[in-house]
Amino acid sequence: MGRWIMVLLAALVVGVATTGVSYAGVPNPSLSTVPNIVLSPNGAMETLIVVVGDGGPIDTAVVQIIFSTEVAGLACFCVGQTEPIVTGTTNSSGEASFFIAGGGCLDPAAVASPPAVEVFANGYLLKQVGVVSVDAVDAAGNVPTDPGWSTGGLCTAGLSDATKHTAPLKTGIYSFCTDLDSDLDCDLDDAIAITPGIKTGATCTEAP
């Protein structure tokens, strides 16, 4: 219930701020860009959301990423990372950048109680998405929705993650967890995004 109160409050605030000013404050989901949410143990990987209305990009739109109770409980969030609601504001180009510290891959098709993640702008639902990460699996190769998933108290990009991502990148066969840029393929762009975290062994302590 708490997360919906937060969304409603955001919508009311935006409504007060925009009433009688401009219809452009209302986002158009079909014109906006909302990728899967990217988590990384070092908080270095960007999720870029672009909010666009019928009149063009919306400046100072309040963007909320809301992880479901199930996903918030399964994903590995680093100590200090705000969740299950992460809030940001768009710039004059309608862009809101998020750097969320954590790990785990959560395909919306695999969660028990969809939606996995909802993204709102100015109180309007833009899209329902999933979660991807360089730290896609645990040390045993399990994703968060697998029965054996265990972080061991750490969000870590390690050998098991390298193994998870290698086959899709090598063969080009699609894998939700490896498609970090949400363009529906696994290619060089994904490899470039994944490599630094694996190479450095990006790690953080999981929040209790």
N, C-alpha and C. Protein backbone atom coordinates (compact mmCIF):
# COMPACT_ATOMS: atom_id res chain seq x y z
N MET A 1 0.84 -1.21 0.00
CA MET A 1 0.00 0.00 0.00
C MET A 1 0.87 1.25 0.00
N GLY A 2 1.99 1.22 0.69
CA GLY A 2 2.83 2.40 0.82
C GLY A 2 3.33 2.93 -0.51
N ARG A 3 3.69 2.04 -1.43
CA ARG A 3 4.25 2.52 -2.70
C ARG A 3 3.20 3.27 -3.51
N TRP A 4 1.93 2.82 -3.43
CA TRP A 4 0.89 3.52 -4.19
C TRP A 4 0.60 4.90 -3.61
N ILE A 5 0.74 5.03 -2.30
CA ILE A 5 0.58 6.34 -1.69
C ILE A 5 1.65 7.30 -2.22
N MET A 6 2.89 6.78 -2.34
CA MET A 6 3.99 7.61 -2.86
C MET A 6 3.70 8.06 -4.29
N VAL A 7 3.20 7.14 -5.12
CA VAL A 7 2.87 7.48 -6.51
C VAL A 7 1.77 8.53 -6.55
N LEU A 8 0.74 8.34 -5.71
CA LEU A 8 -0.37 9.29 -5.68
C LEU A 8 0.10 10.66 -5.24
N LEU A 9 0.94 10.73 -4.23
CA LEU A 9 1.46 12.01 -3.77
C LEU A 9 2.25 12.70 -4.87
N ALA A 10 3.06 11.92 -5.61
CA ALA A 10 3.84 12.51 -6.71
C ALA A 10 2.90 13.07 -7.77
N ALA A 11 1.84 12.34 -8.06
CA ALA A 11 0.89 12.80 -9.06
C ALA A 11 0.19 14.08 -8.61
N LEU A 12 -0.17 14.13 -7.31
CA LEU A 12 -0.84 15.32 -6.79
C LEU A 12 0.07 16.54 -6.83
N VAL A 13 1.35 16.33 -6.46
CA VAL A 13 2.31 17.44 -6.49
C VAL A 13 2.48 17.97 -7.90
N VAL A 14 2.62 17.05 -8.86
CA VAL A 14 2.78 17.46 -10.25
C VAL A 14 1.54 18.17 -10.74
N GLY A 15 0.36 17.65 -10.31
CA GLY A 15 -0.88 18.27 -10.73
C GLY A 15 -0.99 19.70 -10.26
N VAL A 16 -0.60 19.95 -9.02
CA VAL A 16 -0.63 21.31 -8.47
C VAL A 16 0.34 22.20 -9.23
N ALA A 17 1.52 21.64 -9.56
CA ALA A 17 2.55 22.44 -10.20
C ALA A 17 2.23 22.76 -11.65
N THR A 18 1.42 21.88 -12.30
CA THR A 18 1.21 22.07 -13.74
C THR A 18 -0.19 22.55 -14.10
N THR A 19 -1.11 22.55 -13.14
CA THR A 19 -2.47 22.97 -13.45
C THR A 19 -2.48 24.38 -14.05
N GLY A 20 -3.10 24.50 -15.23
CA GLY A 20 -3.19 25.79 -15.88
C GLY A 20 -1.91 26.25 -16.53
N VAL A 21 -0.90 25.38 -16.54
CA VAL A 21 0.37 25.80 -17.12
C VAL A 21 0.58 25.18 -18.49
N SER A 22 0.60 23.81 -18.56
CA SER A 22 0.90 23.17 -19.83
C SER A 22 0.47 21.72 -19.83
N TYR A 23 -0.17 21.30 -20.90
CA TYR A 23 -0.55 19.91 -21.09
C TYR A 23 0.68 19.05 -21.30
N ALA A 24 1.82 19.69 -21.63
CA ALA A 24 3.06 18.97 -21.92
C ALA A 24 3.58 18.20 -20.72
N GLY A 25 3.05 18.47 -19.51
CA GLY A 25 3.49 17.75 -18.33
C GLY A 25 2.97 16.33 -18.28
N VAL A 26 2.08 15.98 -19.17
CA VAL A 26 1.51 14.63 -19.21
C VAL A 26 2.33 13.79 -20.18
N PRO A 27 2.99 12.73 -19.69
CA PRO A 27 3.83 11.92 -20.57
C PRO A 27 3.01 11.03 -21.50
N ASN A 28 3.59 10.72 -22.62
CA ASN A 28 2.99 9.78 -23.57
C ASN A 28 3.86 8.52 -23.54
N PRO A 29 3.36 7.42 -22.98
CA PRO A 29 4.18 6.21 -22.86
C PRO A 29 4.73 5.71 -24.19
N SER A 30 3.96 5.87 -25.26
CA SER A 30 4.41 5.36 -26.56
C SER A 30 5.56 6.19 -27.14
N LEU A 31 5.73 7.41 -26.66
CA LEU A 31 6.82 8.27 -27.14
C LEU A 31 8.02 8.25 -26.20
N SER A 32 7.80 7.79 -24.98
CA SER A 32 8.86 7.77 -23.96
C SER A 32 9.70 6.49 -24.10
N THR A 33 10.88 6.51 -23.51
CA THR A 33 11.80 5.37 -23.57
C THR A 33 12.07 4.86 -22.16
N VAL A 34 11.72 3.59 -21.94
CA VAL A 34 11.91 2.97 -20.63
C VAL A 34 12.54 1.60 -20.83
N PRO A 35 13.84 1.46 -20.57
CA PRO A 35 14.50 0.16 -20.70
C PRO A 35 14.30 -0.68 -19.44
N ASN A 36 14.78 -1.91 -19.48
CA ASN A 36 14.85 -2.69 -18.25
C ASN A 36 15.79 -1.99 -17.29
N ILE A 37 15.53 -2.13 -16.00
CA ILE A 37 16.33 -1.45 -14.99
C ILE A 37 17.66 -2.18 -14.78
N VAL A 38 18.75 -1.43 -14.84
CA VAL A 38 20.09 -2.00 -14.70
C VAL A 38 20.60 -1.83 -13.28
N LEU A 39 21.04 -2.94 -12.69
CA LEU A 39 21.69 -2.91 -11.38
C LEU A 39 23.16 -3.29 -11.55
N SER A 40 24.03 -2.67 -10.78
CA SER A 40 25.45 -3.06 -10.77
C SER A 40 25.98 -2.90 -9.35
N PRO A 41 26.81 -3.85 -8.90
CA PRO A 41 27.29 -3.80 -7.52
C PRO A 41 28.04 -2.53 -7.15
N ASN A 42 28.67 -1.89 -8.14
CA ASN A 42 29.39 -0.65 -7.84
C ASN A 42 28.56 0.60 -8.17
N GLY A 43 27.32 0.40 -8.59
CA GLY A 43 26.45 1.53 -8.91
C GLY A 43 26.93 2.36 -10.07
N ALA A 44 27.70 1.76 -10.98
CA ALA A 44 28.32 2.52 -12.05
C ALA A 44 27.57 2.44 -13.38
N MET A 45 26.55 1.59 -13.46
CA MET A 45 25.86 1.40 -14.73
C MET A 45 24.55 2.19 -14.75
N GLU A 46 24.33 2.87 -15.85
CA GLU A 46 23.20 3.80 -15.96
C GLU A 46 21.94 3.15 -16.52
N THR A 47 20.82 3.52 -15.93
CA THR A 47 19.51 3.29 -16.54
C THR A 47 19.00 4.66 -16.96
N LEU A 48 18.81 4.86 -18.26
CA LEU A 48 18.38 6.16 -18.77
C LEU A 48 16.93 6.09 -19.22
N ILE A 49 16.09 6.87 -18.57
CA ILE A 49 14.67 6.93 -18.91
C ILE A 49 14.38 8.29 -19.53
N VAL A 50 13.70 8.27 -20.66
CA VAL A 50 13.39 9.51 -21.38
C VAL A 50 11.88 9.71 -21.39
N VAL A 51 11.44 10.83 -20.83
CA VAL A 51 10.01 11.11 -20.71
C VAL A 51 9.60 12.14 -21.76
N VAL A 52 8.67 11.74 -22.60
CA VAL A 52 8.23 12.60 -23.69
C VAL A 52 6.71 12.70 -23.69
N GLY A 53 6.21 13.91 -23.86
CA GLY A 53 4.78 14.14 -24.00
C GLY A 53 4.44 14.45 -25.44
N ASP A 54 3.20 14.73 -25.70
CA ASP A 54 2.79 15.06 -27.07
C ASP A 54 3.48 16.31 -27.58
N GLY A 55 3.91 17.18 -26.64
CA GLY A 55 4.58 18.41 -27.05
C GLY A 55 6.09 18.32 -27.05
N GLY A 56 6.63 17.13 -26.77
CA GLY A 56 8.09 16.96 -26.75
C GLY A 56 8.59 16.50 -25.39
N PRO A 57 9.90 16.51 -25.18
CA PRO A 57 10.49 16.09 -23.90
C PRO A 57 9.95 16.91 -22.74
N ILE A 58 9.75 16.25 -21.59
CA ILE A 58 9.19 16.92 -20.42
C ILE A 58 10.30 17.20 -19.41
N ASP A 59 10.50 18.45 -19.12
CA ASP A 59 11.51 18.89 -18.14
C ASP A 59 10.93 18.76 -16.72
N THR A 60 11.80 18.42 -15.77
CA THR A 60 11.47 18.32 -14.34
C THR A 60 10.32 17.35 -14.05
N ALA A 61 10.16 16.34 -14.88
CA ALA A 61 9.17 15.31 -14.57
C ALA A 61 9.70 14.45 -13.43
N VAL A 62 8.81 14.08 -12.52
CA VAL A 62 9.19 13.20 -11.41
C VAL A 62 9.06 11.75 -11.89
N VAL A 63 10.19 11.04 -11.93
CA VAL A 63 10.21 9.66 -12.40
C VAL A 63 10.40 8.73 -11.21
N GLN A 64 9.55 7.71 -11.12
CA GLN A 64 9.65 6.74 -10.04
C GLN A 64 9.79 5.33 -10.61
N ILE A 65 10.85 4.65 -10.16
CA ILE A 65 11.03 3.23 -10.46
C ILE A 65 10.55 2.48 -9.23
N ILE A 66 9.54 1.63 -9.40
CA ILE A 66 8.96 0.93 -8.26
C ILE A 66 9.15 -0.57 -8.43
N PHE A 67 9.99 -1.14 -7.59
CA PHE A 67 10.20 -2.58 -7.58
C PHE A 67 9.07 -3.24 -6.80
N SER A 68 8.51 -4.32 -7.34
CA SER A 68 7.45 -5.01 -6.62
C SER A 68 8.00 -5.59 -5.32
N THR A 69 7.12 -5.93 -4.42
CA THR A 69 7.54 -6.53 -3.15
C THR A 69 8.35 -7.79 -3.39
N GLU A 70 7.92 -8.60 -4.36
CA GLU A 70 8.64 -9.83 -4.69
C GLU A 70 10.04 -9.53 -5.19
N VAL A 71 10.15 -8.63 -6.14
CA VAL A 71 11.45 -8.31 -6.74
C VAL A 71 12.37 -7.64 -5.73
N ALA A 72 11.82 -6.74 -4.91
CA ALA A 72 12.62 -6.07 -3.90
C ALA A 72 13.19 -7.08 -2.90
N GLY A 73 12.44 -8.15 -2.66
CA GLY A 73 12.89 -9.17 -1.74
C GLY A 73 13.90 -10.13 -2.34
N LEU A 74 13.88 -10.28 -3.67
CA LEU A 74 14.77 -11.23 -4.35
C LEU A 74 16.07 -10.59 -4.82
N ALA A 75 15.99 -9.38 -5.35
CA ALA A 75 17.19 -8.72 -5.89
C ALA A 75 18.19 -8.44 -4.77
N CYS A 76 19.45 -8.33 -5.16
CA CYS A 76 20.51 -8.02 -4.20
C CYS A 76 20.76 -6.51 -4.25
N PHE A 77 20.27 -5.77 -3.27
CA PHE A 77 20.51 -4.33 -3.21
C PHE A 77 21.65 -4.04 -2.24
N CYS A 78 22.53 -3.14 -2.65
CA CYS A 78 23.69 -2.79 -1.82
C CYS A 78 23.28 -1.94 -0.62
N VAL A 79 24.07 -2.01 0.42
CA VAL A 79 23.87 -1.16 1.58
C VAL A 79 23.87 0.31 1.14
N GLY A 80 22.85 1.05 1.56
CA GLY A 80 22.75 2.46 1.22
C GLY A 80 21.89 2.75 0.01
N GLN A 81 21.53 1.70 -0.75
CA GLN A 81 20.70 1.91 -1.93
C GLN A 81 19.23 2.01 -1.54
N THR A 82 18.60 3.10 -1.94
CA THR A 82 17.17 3.29 -1.69
C THR A 82 16.36 2.29 -2.51
N GLU A 83 15.39 1.67 -1.89
CA GLU A 83 14.45 0.76 -2.57
C GLU A 83 13.30 0.48 -1.60
N PRO A 84 12.12 0.10 -2.06
CA PRO A 84 11.78 -0.35 -3.40
C PRO A 84 11.39 0.75 -4.38
N ILE A 85 11.37 2.01 -3.92
CA ILE A 85 11.05 3.12 -4.82
C ILE A 85 12.29 3.98 -4.99
N VAL A 86 12.69 4.17 -6.25
CA VAL A 86 13.83 5.02 -6.57
C VAL A 86 13.30 6.18 -7.41
N THR A 87 13.59 7.39 -6.98
CA THR A 87 13.00 8.58 -7.60
C THR A 87 14.06 9.47 -8.23
N GLY A 88 13.73 10.04 -9.38
CA GLY A 88 14.62 10.97 -10.06
C GLY A 88 13.82 12.03 -10.78
N THR A 89 14.51 12.99 -11.38
CA THR A 89 13.86 14.10 -12.09
C THR A 89 14.50 14.28 -13.45
N THR A 90 13.68 14.55 -14.45
CA THR A 90 14.20 14.71 -15.80
C THR A 90 14.85 16.07 -15.99
N ASN A 91 15.77 16.13 -16.96
CA ASN A 91 16.38 17.40 -17.36
C ASN A 91 15.58 17.98 -18.54
N SER A 92 16.10 19.02 -19.15
CA SER A 92 15.38 19.70 -20.22
C SER A 92 15.20 18.82 -21.46
N SER A 93 15.96 17.74 -21.55
CA SER A 93 15.81 16.79 -22.67
C SER A 93 14.87 15.65 -22.32
N GLY A 94 14.26 15.74 -21.14
CA GLY A 94 13.34 14.70 -20.70
C GLY A 94 14.04 13.47 -20.15
N GLU A 95 15.35 13.58 -19.89
CA GLU A 95 16.14 12.42 -19.46
C GLU A 95 16.32 12.38 -17.94
N ALA A 96 16.13 11.19 -17.40
CA ALA A 96 16.40 10.95 -15.98
C ALA A 96 17.36 9.78 -15.89
N SER A 97 18.52 10.01 -15.27
CA SER A 97 19.54 8.96 -15.15
C SER A 97 19.51 8.35 -13.76
N PHE A 98 19.59 7.03 -13.72
CA PHE A 98 19.60 6.30 -12.47
C PHE A 98 20.82 5.38 -12.42
N PHE A 99 21.51 5.38 -11.29
CA PHE A 99 22.64 4.49 -11.07
C PHE A 99 22.32 3.70 -9.80
N ILE A 100 21.77 2.52 -9.98
CA ILE A 100 21.24 1.74 -8.87
C ILE A 100 22.23 0.63 -8.51
N ALA A 101 22.62 0.62 -7.24
CA ALA A 101 23.63 -0.33 -6.77
C ALA A 101 23.00 -1.63 -6.32
N GLY A 102 23.36 -2.70 -7.01
CA GLY A 102 22.81 -4.00 -6.65
C GLY A 102 23.12 -5.04 -7.70
N GLY A 103 22.39 -6.13 -7.67
CA GLY A 103 22.60 -7.21 -8.62
C GLY A 103 21.41 -8.13 -8.70
N GLY A 104 21.46 -9.01 -9.69
CA GLY A 104 20.39 -9.97 -9.91
C GLY A 104 19.64 -9.69 -11.19
N CYS A 105 19.30 -10.75 -11.92
CA CYS A 105 18.51 -10.62 -13.14
C CYS A 105 17.11 -11.15 -12.88
N LEU A 106 16.11 -10.33 -13.13
CA LEU A 106 14.72 -10.72 -12.92
C LEU A 106 13.90 -10.47 -14.18
N ASP A 107 13.68 -11.56 -14.92
CA ASP A 107 12.86 -11.52 -16.12
C ASP A 107 11.40 -11.41 -15.69
N PRO A 108 10.66 -10.43 -16.19
CA PRO A 108 9.25 -10.29 -15.78
C PRO A 108 8.43 -11.56 -16.02
N ALA A 109 8.84 -12.34 -17.03
CA ALA A 109 8.11 -13.57 -17.34
C ALA A 109 8.32 -14.65 -16.29
N ALA A 110 9.33 -14.48 -15.43
CA ALA A 110 9.68 -15.51 -14.46
C ALA A 110 9.21 -15.20 -13.05
N VAL A 111 8.74 -13.98 -12.80
CA VAL A 111 8.32 -13.65 -11.43
C VAL A 111 6.96 -14.26 -11.14
N ALA A 112 6.73 -14.57 -9.88
CA ALA A 112 5.47 -15.21 -9.49
C ALA A 112 4.30 -14.25 -9.51
N SER A 113 4.57 -12.98 -9.18
CA SER A 113 3.50 -11.99 -9.09
C SER A 113 3.84 -10.75 -9.90
N PRO A 114 3.64 -10.81 -11.22
CA PRO A 114 3.93 -9.63 -12.03
C PRO A 114 2.97 -8.49 -11.71
N PRO A 115 3.35 -7.23 -12.02
CA PRO A 115 4.58 -6.84 -12.72
C PRO A 115 5.80 -6.84 -11.80
N ALA A 116 6.98 -6.98 -12.42
CA ALA A 116 8.22 -6.98 -11.66
C ALA A 116 8.61 -5.57 -11.23
N VAL A 117 8.61 -4.66 -12.20
CA VAL A 117 8.98 -3.26 -11.95
C VAL A 117 8.03 -2.37 -12.75
N GLU A 118 7.60 -1.30 -12.13
CA GLU A 118 6.77 -0.32 -12.83
C GLU A 118 7.49 1.02 -12.81
N VAL A 119 7.40 1.74 -13.92
CA VAL A 119 8.04 3.05 -14.03
C VAL A 119 6.96 4.10 -14.29
N PHE A 120 6.94 5.10 -13.43
CA PHE A 120 5.96 6.18 -13.53
C PHE A 120 6.66 7.51 -13.81
N ALA A 121 5.98 8.40 -14.48
CA ALA A 121 6.44 9.78 -14.64
C ALA A 121 5.27 10.70 -14.36
N ASN A 122 5.46 11.62 -13.44
CA ASN A 122 4.39 12.54 -13.04
C ASN A 122 3.12 11.79 -12.64
N GLY A 123 3.31 10.59 -12.06
CA GLY A 123 2.18 9.81 -11.60
C GLY A 123 1.54 8.93 -12.65
N TYR A 124 2.00 9.01 -13.91
CA TYR A 124 1.45 8.20 -15.00
C TYR A 124 2.34 6.98 -15.25
N LEU A 125 1.73 5.83 -15.40
CA LEU A 125 2.50 4.62 -15.69
C LEU A 125 3.07 4.69 -17.10
N LEU A 126 4.39 4.56 -17.20
CA LEU A 126 5.04 4.55 -18.51
C LEU A 126 5.20 3.14 -19.06
N LYS A 127 5.67 2.23 -18.17
CA LYS A 127 5.95 0.88 -18.66
C LYS A 127 6.21 -0.06 -17.48
N GLN A 128 5.96 -1.33 -17.71
CA GLN A 128 6.33 -2.40 -16.78
C GLN A 128 7.53 -3.12 -17.38
N VAL A 129 8.59 -3.27 -16.60
CA VAL A 129 9.84 -3.81 -17.11
C VAL A 129 10.42 -4.84 -16.13
N GLY A 130 11.66 -5.30 -16.44
CA GLY A 130 12.36 -6.23 -15.58
C GLY A 130 13.67 -5.64 -15.10
N VAL A 131 14.53 -6.51 -14.58
CA VAL A 131 15.81 -6.09 -14.02
C VAL A 131 16.93 -6.90 -14.67
N VAL A 132 17.98 -6.20 -15.10
CA VAL A 132 19.16 -6.86 -15.65
C VAL A 132 20.39 -6.37 -14.88
N SER A 133 21.47 -7.15 -14.96
CA SER A 133 22.66 -6.77 -14.21
C SER A 133 23.88 -7.51 -14.72
N VAL A 134 25.04 -6.87 -14.58
CA VAL A 134 26.29 -7.58 -14.83
C VAL A 134 26.39 -8.72 -13.83
N ASP A 135 25.89 -8.51 -12.61
CA ASP A 135 25.81 -9.54 -11.57
C ASP A 135 24.46 -10.23 -11.70
N ALA A 136 24.32 -11.06 -12.72
CA ALA A 136 23.03 -11.66 -13.04
C ALA A 136 22.68 -12.84 -12.16
N VAL A 137 23.71 -13.60 -11.73
CA VAL A 137 23.48 -14.85 -11.01
C VAL A 137 24.31 -14.92 -9.72
N ASP A 138 24.00 -15.90 -8.88
CA ASP A 138 24.81 -16.11 -7.68
C ASP A 138 26.01 -17.00 -8.04
N ALA A 139 26.78 -17.38 -7.05
CA ALA A 139 28.00 -18.15 -7.30
C ALA A 139 27.72 -19.52 -7.93
N ALA A 140 26.50 -20.03 -7.73
CA ALA A 140 26.13 -21.33 -8.28
C ALA A 140 25.45 -21.21 -9.64
N GLY A 141 25.31 -19.99 -10.13
CA GLY A 141 24.68 -19.78 -11.43
C GLY A 141 23.18 -19.63 -11.39
N ASN A 142 22.61 -19.42 -10.22
CA ASN A 142 21.16 -19.24 -10.09
C ASN A 142 20.76 -17.78 -10.23
N VAL A 143 19.67 -17.54 -10.94
CA VAL A 143 19.08 -16.19 -10.96
C VAL A 143 18.15 -16.08 -9.75
N PRO A 144 17.75 -14.86 -9.38
CA PRO A 144 16.96 -14.68 -8.16
C PRO A 144 15.65 -15.48 -8.10
N THR A 145 15.06 -15.81 -9.24
CA THR A 145 13.80 -16.56 -9.23
C THR A 145 14.02 -18.06 -9.15
N ASP A 146 15.27 -18.52 -9.18
CA ASP A 146 15.56 -19.95 -9.00
C ASP A 146 15.47 -20.32 -7.52
N PRO A 147 15.03 -21.54 -7.22
CA PRO A 147 14.89 -21.96 -5.81
C PRO A 147 16.18 -21.89 -5.00
N GLY A 148 17.33 -22.09 -5.64
CA GLY A 148 18.58 -22.12 -4.90
C GLY A 148 19.31 -20.80 -4.78
N TRP A 149 18.69 -19.72 -5.23
CA TRP A 149 19.34 -18.41 -5.24
C TRP A 149 19.85 -18.01 -3.86
N SER A 150 21.13 -17.65 -3.78
CA SER A 150 21.72 -17.21 -2.52
C SER A 150 22.87 -16.26 -2.79
N THR A 151 22.80 -15.07 -2.23
CA THR A 151 23.85 -14.07 -2.47
C THR A 151 25.05 -14.25 -1.56
N GLY A 152 24.84 -14.91 -0.42
CA GLY A 152 25.91 -15.02 0.56
C GLY A 152 26.23 -13.68 1.21
N GLY A 153 25.29 -12.74 1.11
CA GLY A 153 25.49 -11.43 1.74
C GLY A 153 26.25 -10.43 0.89
N LEU A 154 26.58 -10.82 -0.36
CA LEU A 154 27.32 -9.93 -1.26
C LEU A 154 26.68 -9.89 -2.63
N CYS A 155 26.66 -8.71 -3.23
CA CYS A 155 26.32 -8.58 -4.64
C CYS A 155 27.67 -8.55 -5.38
N THR A 156 27.94 -9.56 -6.20
CA THR A 156 29.27 -9.70 -6.78
C THR A 156 29.21 -10.09 -8.25
N ALA A 157 29.95 -9.37 -9.08
CA ALA A 157 30.11 -9.75 -10.49
C ALA A 157 31.35 -10.63 -10.58
N GLY A 158 31.13 -11.94 -10.76
CA GLY A 158 32.25 -12.87 -10.72
C GLY A 158 32.25 -13.87 -11.85
N LEU A 159 32.94 -14.98 -11.61
CA LEU A 159 33.11 -16.01 -12.63
C LEU A 159 31.78 -16.58 -13.11
N SER A 160 30.86 -16.81 -12.19
CA SER A 160 29.56 -17.38 -12.59
C SER A 160 28.80 -16.42 -13.50
N ASP A 161 28.96 -15.13 -13.27
CA ASP A 161 28.31 -14.13 -14.14
C ASP A 161 28.97 -14.11 -15.52
N ALA A 162 30.30 -14.22 -15.54
CA ALA A 162 31.02 -14.28 -16.81
C ALA A 162 30.53 -15.48 -17.62
N THR A 163 30.35 -16.60 -16.94
CA THR A 163 29.86 -17.81 -17.61
C THR A 163 28.45 -17.60 -18.14
N LYS A 164 27.60 -16.97 -17.33
CA LYS A 164 26.21 -16.71 -17.72
C LYS A 164 26.13 -15.86 -18.98
N HIS A 165 26.98 -14.85 -19.05
CA HIS A 165 26.90 -13.90 -20.17
C HIS A 165 27.68 -14.35 -21.42
N THR A 166 28.65 -15.24 -21.25
CA THR A 166 29.53 -15.59 -22.37
C THR A 166 28.80 -16.22 -23.55
N ALA A 167 27.96 -17.21 -23.29
CA ALA A 167 27.30 -17.91 -24.39
C ALA A 167 26.44 -16.99 -25.26
N PRO A 168 25.56 -16.16 -24.66
CA PRO A 168 24.76 -15.24 -25.49
C PRO A 168 25.63 -14.27 -26.29
N LEU A 169 26.71 -13.78 -25.67
CA LEU A 169 27.57 -12.83 -26.36
C LEU A 169 28.36 -13.50 -27.48
N LYS A 170 28.74 -14.73 -27.26
CA LYS A 170 29.54 -15.46 -28.25
C LYS A 170 28.69 -15.93 -29.43
N THR A 171 27.47 -16.39 -29.14
CA THR A 171 26.61 -16.96 -30.18
C THR A 171 25.59 -15.98 -30.75
N GLY A 172 25.30 -14.92 -29.98
CA GLY A 172 24.27 -13.98 -30.40
C GLY A 172 22.87 -14.46 -30.10
N ILE A 173 22.76 -15.62 -29.45
CA ILE A 173 21.44 -16.14 -29.06
C ILE A 173 20.90 -15.26 -27.92
N TYR A 174 19.67 -14.84 -28.07
CA TYR A 174 19.12 -13.86 -27.12
C TYR A 174 19.00 -14.41 -25.70
N SER A 175 19.40 -13.61 -24.74
CA SER A 175 19.19 -13.89 -23.32
C SER A 175 18.76 -12.60 -22.65
N PHE A 176 17.63 -12.63 -21.98
CA PHE A 176 17.13 -11.44 -21.30
C PHE A 176 18.18 -10.86 -20.37
N CYS A 177 18.86 -11.72 -19.62
CA CYS A 177 19.80 -11.26 -18.60
C CYS A 177 21.04 -10.58 -19.18
N THR A 178 21.39 -10.90 -20.41
CA THR A 178 22.60 -10.35 -21.02
C THR A 178 22.30 -9.11 -21.86
N ASP A 179 21.04 -8.87 -22.15
CA ASP A 179 20.64 -7.71 -22.97
C ASP A 179 20.55 -6.48 -22.08
N LEU A 180 21.72 -5.97 -21.69
CA LEU A 180 21.75 -4.86 -20.73
C LEU A 180 21.23 -3.55 -21.30
N ASP A 181 21.24 -3.39 -22.64
CA ASP A 181 20.75 -2.13 -23.21
C ASP A 181 19.32 -2.24 -23.74
N SER A 182 18.68 -3.36 -23.49
CA SER A 182 17.25 -3.55 -23.81
C SER A 182 16.92 -3.32 -25.29
N ASP A 183 17.86 -3.73 -26.17
CA ASP A 183 17.58 -3.58 -27.60
C ASP A 183 17.20 -4.90 -28.26
N LEU A 184 16.90 -5.89 -27.44
CA LEU A 184 16.42 -7.20 -27.88
C LEU A 184 17.44 -8.02 -28.66
N ASP A 185 18.73 -7.74 -28.43
CA ASP A 185 19.77 -8.63 -28.92
C ASP A 185 20.96 -8.60 -27.97
N CYS A 186 21.84 -9.56 -28.11
CA CYS A 186 23.04 -9.65 -27.27
C CYS A 186 24.24 -9.48 -28.18
N ASP A 187 24.90 -8.33 -28.07
CA ASP A 187 25.93 -8.00 -29.04
C ASP A 187 27.11 -7.28 -28.39
N LEU A 188 27.90 -6.64 -29.21
CA LEU A 188 29.11 -5.95 -28.74
C LEU A 188 28.79 -4.88 -27.70
N ASP A 189 27.69 -4.16 -27.90
CA ASP A 189 27.33 -3.11 -26.94
C ASP A 189 27.13 -3.69 -25.54
N ASP A 190 26.50 -4.85 -25.47
CA ASP A 190 26.30 -5.50 -24.18
C ASP A 190 27.62 -5.97 -23.59
N ALA A 191 28.48 -6.51 -24.45
CA ALA A 191 29.79 -6.97 -23.99
C ALA A 191 30.60 -5.83 -23.40
N ILE A 192 30.54 -4.67 -24.06
CA ILE A 192 31.27 -3.50 -23.57
C ILE A 192 30.72 -3.05 -22.22
N ALA A 193 29.41 -3.15 -22.04
CA ALA A 193 28.78 -2.75 -20.77
C ALA A 193 29.11 -3.73 -19.65
N ILE A 194 29.18 -5.00 -19.97
CA ILE A 194 29.37 -6.05 -18.97
C ILE A 194 30.82 -6.19 -18.52
N THR A 195 31.76 -6.04 -19.46
CA THR A 195 33.17 -6.36 -19.19
C THR A 195 33.79 -5.65 -18.00
N PRO A 196 33.63 -4.34 -17.83
CA PRO A 196 34.32 -3.68 -16.70
C PRO A 196 33.94 -4.26 -15.33
N GLY A 197 32.66 -4.53 -15.13
CA GLY A 197 32.23 -5.06 -13.84
C GLY A 197 32.79 -6.44 -13.57
N ILE A 198 32.83 -7.28 -14.61
CA ILE A 198 33.40 -8.62 -14.47
C ILE A 198 34.90 -8.52 -14.23
N LYS A 199 35.57 -7.68 -14.98
CA LYS A 199 37.03 -7.56 -14.91
C LYS A 199 37.47 -7.09 -13.53
N THR A 200 36.74 -6.15 -12.95
CA THR A 200 37.12 -5.60 -11.65
C THR A 200 36.52 -6.37 -10.48
N GLY A 201 35.62 -7.29 -10.80
CA GLY A 201 34.95 -8.04 -9.73
C GLY A 201 34.11 -7.14 -8.85
N ALA A 202 33.33 -6.27 -9.49
CA ALA A 202 32.51 -5.31 -8.75
C ALA A 202 31.71 -5.99 -7.65
N THR A 203 31.82 -5.46 -6.44
CA THR A 203 31.22 -6.10 -5.27
C THR A 203 30.69 -5.06 -4.28
N CYS A 204 29.61 -5.41 -3.61
CA CYS A 204 29.14 -4.60 -2.50
C CYS A 204 28.50 -5.50 -1.47
N THR A 205 28.32 -5.00 -0.27
CA THR A 205 27.64 -5.75 0.78
C THR A 205 26.14 -5.59 0.60
N GLU A 206 25.43 -6.69 0.66
CA GLU A 206 23.98 -6.65 0.48
C GLU A 206 23.32 -6.02 1.71
N ALA A 207 22.33 -5.17 1.44
CA ALA A 207 21.58 -4.56 2.53
C ALA A 207 20.76 -5.64 3.25
N PRO A 208 20.61 -5.53 4.56
CA PRO A 208 19.84 -6.55 5.32
C PRO A 208 18.37 -6.49 4.98
